[in-house]
C-alpha atoms as a PDB file:
ATOM      1  CA  MET A   1      23.622  19.152  32.966  1.00  0.00           C
ATOM      2  CA  GLU A   2      25.764  17.144  35.180  1.00  0.00           C
ATOM      3  CA  GLU A   3      27.491  19.862  37.730  1.00  0.00           C
ATOM      4  CA  ARG A   4      30.039  17.262  39.078  1.00  0.00           C
ATOM      5  CA  GLU A   5      33.174  15.962  37.144  1.00  0.00           C
ATOM      6  CA  LEU A   6      32.792  12.179  36.321  1.00  0.00           C
ATOM      7  CA  ASN A   7      35.529  10.068  36.682  1.00  0.00           C
ATOM      8  CA  PHE A   8      35.427   7.578  33.939  1.00  0.00           C
ATOM      9  CA  ALA A   9      36.459   4.396  34.767  1.00  0.00           C
ATOM     10  CA  LYS A  10      34.736   4.992  38.153  1.00  0.00           C
ATOM     11  CA  GLU A  11      31.291   5.507  36.058  1.00  0.00           C
ATOM     12  CA  ILE A  12      31.595   1.947  34.521  1.00  0.00           C
ATOM     13  CA  LEU A  13      32.687  -0.289  36.975  1.00  0.00           C
ATOM     14  CA  GLN A  14      30.444   1.288  39.730  1.00  0.00           C
ATOM     15  CA  GLY A  15      32.865  -0.306  42.388  1.00  0.00           C
ATOM     16  CA  ARG A  16      33.658  -3.518  40.306  1.00  0.00           C
ATOM     17  CA  SER A  17      36.663  -4.662  39.458  1.00  0.00           C
ATOM     18  CA  ALA A  18      37.505  -4.702  35.630  1.00  0.00           C
ATOM     19  CA  SER A  19      37.018  -8.685  35.066  1.00  0.00           C
ATOM     20  CA  ALA A  20      33.694  -8.519  36.720  1.00  0.00           C
ATOM     21  CA  VAL A  21      32.042  -5.825  33.758  1.00  0.00           C
ATOM     22  CA  SER A  22      31.332  -7.625  30.604  1.00  0.00           C
ATOM     23  CA  ASP A  23      32.753  -5.596  27.441  1.00  0.00           C
ATOM     24  CA  ASP A  24      29.249  -4.695  26.212  1.00  0.00           C
ATOM     25  CA  GLU A  25      28.456  -3.146  29.690  1.00  0.00           C
ATOM     26  CA  VAL A  26      31.640  -1.215  29.044  1.00  0.00           C
ATOM     27  CA  LEU A  27      30.870  -0.783  25.964  1.00  0.00           C
ATOM     28  CA  ALA A  28      27.472   0.789  26.865  1.00  0.00           C
ATOM     29  CA  GLY A  29      28.945   2.956  29.481  1.00  0.00           C
ATOM     30  CA  ALA A  30      31.135   4.333  27.207  1.00  0.00           C
ATOM     31  CA  GLU A  31      29.347   5.178  24.991  1.00  0.00           C
ATOM     32  CA  ARG A  32      26.725   7.143  27.134  1.00  0.00           C
ATOM     33  CA  LEU A  33      29.481   8.978  28.705  1.00  0.00           C
ATOM     34  CA  LEU A  34      31.715   9.822  25.743  1.00  0.00           C
ATOM     35  CA  SER A  35      28.106  10.994  23.766  1.00  0.00           C
ATOM     36  CA  GLY A  36      27.122  13.097  27.089  1.00  0.00           C
ATOM     37  CA  TRP A  37      30.393  14.526  27.321  1.00  0.00           C
ATOM     38  CA  MET A  38      30.862  15.540  23.430  1.00  0.00           C
ATOM     39  CA  ALA A  39      27.098  16.888  23.797  1.00  0.00           C
ATOM     40  CA  GLY A  40      27.882  19.223  26.931  1.00  0.00           C
ATOM     41  CA  ASP A  41      25.700  17.330  29.047  1.00  0.00           C
ATOM     42  CA  LEU A  42      28.196  15.541  31.192  1.00  0.00           C
ATOM     43  CA  LYS A  43      31.350  16.746  32.657  1.00  0.00           C
ATOM     44  CA  MET A  44      34.502  14.391  33.015  1.00  0.00           C
ATOM     45  CA  GLU A  45      37.378  14.422  34.771  1.00  0.00           C
ATOM     46  CA  ARG A  46      39.842  15.109  31.507  1.00  0.00           C
ATOM     47  CA  PRO A  47      43.110  13.704  33.060  1.00  0.00           C
ATOM     48  CA  LYS A  48      41.345  10.720  34.108  1.00  0.00           C
ATOM     49  CA  LEU A  49      38.848  10.374  30.787  1.00  0.00           C
ATOM     50  CA  TYR A  50      42.388  10.068  29.193  1.00  0.00           C
ATOM     51  CA  ASP A  51      43.790   7.669  31.820  1.00  0.00           C
ATOM     52  CA  HIS A  52      41.222   5.410  31.487  1.00  0.00           C
ATOM     53  CA  TYR A  53      40.867   4.843  27.600  1.00  0.00           C
ATOM     54  CA  ALA A  54      42.344   1.824  28.723  1.00  0.00           C
ATOM     55  CA  LEU A  55      39.022   0.338  29.792  1.00  0.00           C
ATOM     56  CA  LEU A  56      37.151   1.088  26.908  1.00  0.00           C
ATOM     57  CA  LEU A  57      39.990   0.217  24.768  1.00  0.00           C
ATOM     58  CA  ALA A  58      40.181  -3.224  26.162  1.00  0.00           C
ATOM     59  CA  ALA A  59      36.968  -4.033  25.636  1.00  0.00           C
ATOM     60  CA  LEU A  60      37.004  -3.113  22.249  1.00  0.00           C
ATOM     61  CA  LEU A  61      40.094  -5.113  21.000  1.00  0.00           C
ATOM     62  CA  ARG A  62      38.466  -8.477  22.679  1.00  0.00           C
ATOM     63  CA  LYS A  63      35.335  -7.244  20.636  1.00  0.00           C
ATOM     64  CA  VAL A  64      37.280  -7.304  17.668  1.00  0.00           C
ATOM     65  CA  ALA A  65      38.995 -10.640  18.096  1.00  0.00           C
ATOM     66  CA  SER A  66      35.466 -12.426  18.855  1.00  0.00           C
ATOM     67  CA  LEU A  67      34.031 -11.140  15.424  1.00  0.00           C
ATOM     68  CA  GLU A  68      37.374 -11.893  13.900  1.00  0.00           C
ATOM     69  CA  GLU A  69      36.867 -15.705  14.728  1.00  0.00           C
ATOM     70  CA  ARG A  70      33.433 -15.301  13.810  1.00  0.00           C
ATOM     71  CA  VAL A  71      33.922 -14.187  10.765  1.00  0.00           C
ATOM     72  CA  LYS A  72      36.810 -17.045  10.266  1.00  0.00           C
ATOM     73  CA  ALA A  73      34.603 -19.883  11.286  1.00  0.00           C
ATOM     74  CA  LEU A  74      31.811 -18.251   8.690  1.00  0.00           C
ATOM     75  CA  GLU A  75      34.376 -18.079   5.817  1.00  0.00           C
ATOM     76  CA  GLU A  76      35.463 -21.782   6.562  1.00  0.00           C
ATOM     77  CA  ARG A  77      32.207 -22.910   6.516  1.00  0.00           C
END
């Protein structure tokens, strides 16, 4: 078990700006961190976890919009 408490966004961003990290990287990092946290393998800064959900939510919203565009294009064929 990770003893130090991890900061959700800092772990994903690794010192980069949010715009420099791809949505796929955000989603993969979030899945790893949240899975580890729920399994009890990782400790997270709980208040920070809630504050930084915006990073994950923004990536998910962009991914959904992209998938909707692809579905629409396929349906129009």
